[in-house]
Amino acid sequence: MKATRKVVCWLAASLAAPMLALAGGSEADSARSADDAKDSPVTAAVKTKLAAEHVGNIANIKVDAQDGIVWLSGSTPTQETADHAVETARCADGVLEVKSTIVVMRESK
């Protein structure tokens, strides 16, 4: 009976350990959360500038930031609008560099 109890306890501990490790989060998760908090103001500043400058339909432009580098993605109807979005993002507080993968989607005539 004691051997069975030891096996059951060992199995329970073996199964619980990975779940507890995941529930507690890792150092990488904590670092990612700190980075997200640091980058949120940059992302917000870019989105605010894009809205204030009336850059096309900003709902189609996604903004991500990390360490002052801003990535713009999505689509715009013209190259002029895409270029305007990039220039506007460069002027936002906290932006060191802007990278864009915005696709120009020409409207059909």
C-alpha atoms as a PDB file:
ATOM      1  CA  MET A   1       0.000   0.000   0.000  1.00  0.00           C
ATOM      2  CA  LYS A   2       2.848   2.406   0.822  1.00  0.00           C
ATOM      3  CA  ALA A   3       4.406   1.768  -2.596  1.00  0.00           C
ATOM      4  CA  THR A   4       1.109   2.624  -4.323  1.00  0.00           C
ATOM      5  CA  ARG A   5       0.806   5.840  -2.340  1.00  0.00           C
ATOM      6  CA  LYS A   6       4.369   6.848  -3.285  1.00  0.00           C
ATOM      7  CA  VAL A   7       3.655   6.178  -6.954  1.00  0.00           C
ATOM      8  CA  VAL A   8       0.445   8.222  -6.840  1.00  0.00           C
ATOM      9  CA  CYS A   9       2.219  11.107  -5.100  1.00  0.00           C
ATOM     10  CA  TRP A  10       5.097  10.955  -7.586  1.00  0.00           C
ATOM     11  CA  LEU A  11       2.667  10.962 -10.534  1.00  0.00           C
ATOM     12  CA  ALA A  12       0.721  13.906  -9.090  1.00  0.00           C
ATOM     13  CA  ALA A  13       3.899  15.894  -8.547  1.00  0.00           C
ATOM     14  CA  SER A  14       5.187  15.019 -12.007  1.00  0.00           C
ATOM     15  CA  LEU A  15       1.976  16.202 -13.635  1.00  0.00           C
ATOM     16  CA  ALA A  16       1.584  19.322 -11.501  1.00  0.00           C
ATOM     17  CA  ALA A  17       5.136  20.669 -11.891  1.00  0.00           C
ATOM     18  CA  PRO A  18       4.859  21.656 -15.588  1.00  0.00           C
ATOM     19  CA  MET A  19       1.454  23.269 -15.021  1.00  0.00           C
ATOM     20  CA  LEU A  20       2.750  25.288 -12.070  1.00  0.00           C
ATOM     21  CA  ALA A  21       5.743  26.430 -14.096  1.00  0.00           C
ATOM     22  CA  LEU A  22       3.444  27.638 -16.877  1.00  0.00           C
ATOM     23  CA  ALA A  23       1.038  29.331 -14.480  1.00  0.00           C
ATOM     24  CA  GLY A  24       3.826  31.258 -12.800  1.00  0.00           C
ATOM     25  CA  GLY A  25       5.159  32.658 -16.040  1.00  0.00           C
ATOM     26  CA  SER A  26       8.763  32.747 -17.063  1.00  0.00           C
ATOM     27  CA  GLU A  27      11.407  35.438 -16.967  1.00  0.00           C
ATOM     28  CA  ALA A  28      10.940  35.804 -20.735  1.00  0.00           C
ATOM     29  CA  ASP A  29       7.218  36.491 -20.198  1.00  0.00           C
ATOM     30  CA  SER A  30       8.049  39.100 -17.556  1.00  0.00           C
ATOM     31  CA  ALA A  31      10.616  40.742 -19.826  1.00  0.00           C
ATOM     32  CA  ARG A  32       8.132  40.715 -22.711  1.00  0.00           C
ATOM     33  CA  SER A  33       5.507  42.389 -20.500  1.00  0.00           C
ATOM     34  CA  ALA A  34       8.006  45.080 -19.487  1.00  0.00           C
ATOM     35  CA  ASP A  35       8.946  45.653 -23.140  1.00  0.00           C
ATOM     36  CA  ASP A  36       5.273  45.845 -24.134  1.00  0.00           C
ATOM     37  CA  ALA A  37       4.662  48.449 -21.426  1.00  0.00           C
ATOM     38  CA  LYS A  38       7.675  50.456 -22.627  1.00  0.00           C
ATOM     39  CA  ASP A  39       6.606  50.250 -26.285  1.00  0.00           C
ATOM     40  CA  SER A  40       2.921  51.000 -25.702  1.00  0.00           C
ATOM     41  CA  PRO A  41       3.434  54.780 -25.483  1.00  0.00           C
ATOM     42  CA  VAL A  42       5.354  54.737 -28.780  1.00  0.00           C
ATOM     43  CA  THR A  43       2.606  52.727 -30.480  1.00  0.00           C
ATOM     44  CA  ALA A  44      -0.036  55.059 -29.036  1.00  0.00           C
ATOM     45  CA  ALA A  45       1.899  58.152 -30.133  1.00  0.00           C
ATOM     46  CA  VAL A  46       2.126  56.865 -33.713  1.00  0.00           C
ATOM     47  CA  LYS A  47      -1.559  55.944 -33.847  1.00  0.00           C
ATOM     48  CA  THR A  48      -2.507  59.357 -32.446  1.00  0.00           C
ATOM     49  CA  LYS A  49      -0.345  61.139 -35.041  1.00  0.00           C
ATOM     50  CA  LEU A  50      -1.813  59.071 -37.870  1.00  0.00           C
ATOM     51  CA  ALA A  51      -5.335  59.921 -36.729  1.00  0.00           C
ATOM     52  CA  ALA A  52      -4.533  63.618 -36.254  1.00  0.00           C
ATOM     53  CA  GLU A  53      -2.944  63.832 -39.709  1.00  0.00           C
ATOM     54  CA  HIS A  54      -5.974  62.112 -41.269  1.00  0.00           C
ATOM     55  CA  VAL A  55      -3.766  59.498 -42.905  1.00  0.00           C
ATOM     56  CA  GLY A  56      -6.236  57.586 -45.064  1.00  0.00           C
ATOM     57  CA  ASN A  57      -8.221  54.870 -43.340  1.00  0.00           C
ATOM     58  CA  ILE A  58      -5.984  54.199 -40.346  1.00  0.00           C
ATOM     59  CA  ALA A  59      -8.088  51.151 -39.494  1.00  0.00           C
ATOM     60  CA  ASN A  60      -6.216  49.438 -42.340  1.00  0.00           C
ATOM     61  CA  ILE A  61      -2.787  50.360 -40.943  1.00  0.00           C
ATOM     62  CA  LYS A  62      -1.371  48.249 -38.109  1.00  0.00           C
ATOM     63  CA  VAL A  63       1.267  49.776 -35.840  1.00  0.00           C
ATOM     64  CA  ASP A  64       3.761  47.748 -33.810  1.00  0.00           C
ATOM     65  CA  ALA A  65       6.755  49.065 -31.874  1.00  0.00           C
ATOM     66  CA  GLN A  66       9.767  47.599 -30.162  1.00  0.00           C
ATOM     67  CA  ASP A  67      12.696  49.517 -28.733  1.00  0.00           C
ATOM     68  CA  GLY A  68      11.749  52.664 -30.670  1.00  0.00           C
ATOM     69  CA  ILE A  69      11.474  50.837 -33.987  1.00  0.00           C
ATOM     70  CA  VAL A  70       8.002  51.091 -35.496  1.00  0.00           C
ATOM     71  CA  TRP A  71       6.583  48.635 -38.011  1.00  0.00           C
ATOM     72  CA  LEU A  72       3.685  49.746 -40.168  1.00  0.00           C
ATOM     73  CA  SER A  73       1.709  47.120 -42.039  1.00  0.00           C
ATOM     74  CA  GLY A  74      -1.643  46.834 -43.736  1.00  0.00           C
ATOM     75  CA  SER A  75      -2.936  48.514 -46.869  1.00  0.00           C
ATOM     76  CA  THR A  76      -3.674  51.936 -48.329  1.00  0.00           C
ATOM     77  CA  PRO A  77      -5.353  52.996 -51.561  1.00  0.00           C
ATOM     78  CA  THR A  78      -2.359  55.020 -52.831  1.00  0.00           C
ATOM     79  CA  GLN A  79       1.415  55.155 -52.520  1.00  0.00           C
ATOM     80  CA  GLU A  80       1.062  58.772 -51.406  1.00  0.00           C
ATOM     81  CA  THR A  81      -1.008  57.651 -48.406  1.00  0.00           C
ATOM     82  CA  ALA A  82       1.533  54.939 -47.536  1.00  0.00           C
ATOM     83  CA  ASP A  83       4.399  57.448 -47.730  1.00  0.00           C
ATOM     84  CA  HIS A  84       2.430  59.932 -45.626  1.00  0.00           C
ATOM     85  CA  ALA A  85       1.886  57.268 -42.961  1.00  0.00           C
ATOM     86  CA  VAL A  86       5.623  56.534 -42.800  1.00  0.00           C
ATOM     87  CA  GLU A  87       6.573  60.232 -42.583  1.00  0.00           C
ATOM     88  CA  THR A  88       3.920  60.858 -39.930  1.00  0.00           C
ATOM     89  CA  ALA A  89       5.124  57.893 -37.862  1.00  0.00           C
ATOM     90  CA  ARG A  90       8.710  59.209 -38.003  1.00  0.00           C
ATOM     91  CA  CYS A  91       7.557  62.402 -36.284  1.00  0.00           C
ATOM     92  CA  ALA A  92       5.921  60.656 -33.320  1.00  0.00           C
ATOM     93  CA  ASP A  93       7.532  60.813 -29.876  1.00  0.00           C
ATOM     94  CA  GLY A  94       9.896  57.952 -29.089  1.00  0.00           C
ATOM     95  CA  VAL A  95      10.293  56.748 -32.678  1.00  0.00           C
ATOM     96  CA  LEU A  96      13.868  55.983 -33.724  1.00  0.00           C
ATOM     97  CA  GLU A  97      13.140  54.195 -36.992  1.00  0.00           C
ATOM     98  CA  VAL A  98      10.133  53.267 -39.134  1.00  0.00           C
ATOM     99  CA  LYS A  99       9.844  50.127 -41.223  1.00  0.00           C
ATOM    100  CA  SER A 100       6.889  49.664 -43.530  1.00  0.00           C
ATOM    101  CA  THR A 101       5.314  46.738 -45.306  1.00  0.00           C
ATOM    102  CA  ILE A 102       2.204  48.706 -46.256  1.00  0.00           C
ATOM    103  CA  VAL A 103       0.691  47.369 -49.470  1.00  0.00           C
ATOM    104  CA  VAL A 104      -0.914  49.740 -51.962  1.00  0.00           C
ATOM    105  CA  MET A 105      -4.301  48.380 -52.984  1.00  0.00           C
ATOM    106  CA  ARG A 106      -5.428  50.239 -56.066  1.00  0.00           C
ATOM    107  CA  GLU A 107      -9.131  50.838 -56.279  1.00  0.00           C
ATOM    108  CA  SER A 108     -10.732  49.193 -59.299  1.00  0.00           C
ATOM    109  CA  LYS A 109     -12.245  51.597 -61.811  1.00  0.00           C
END
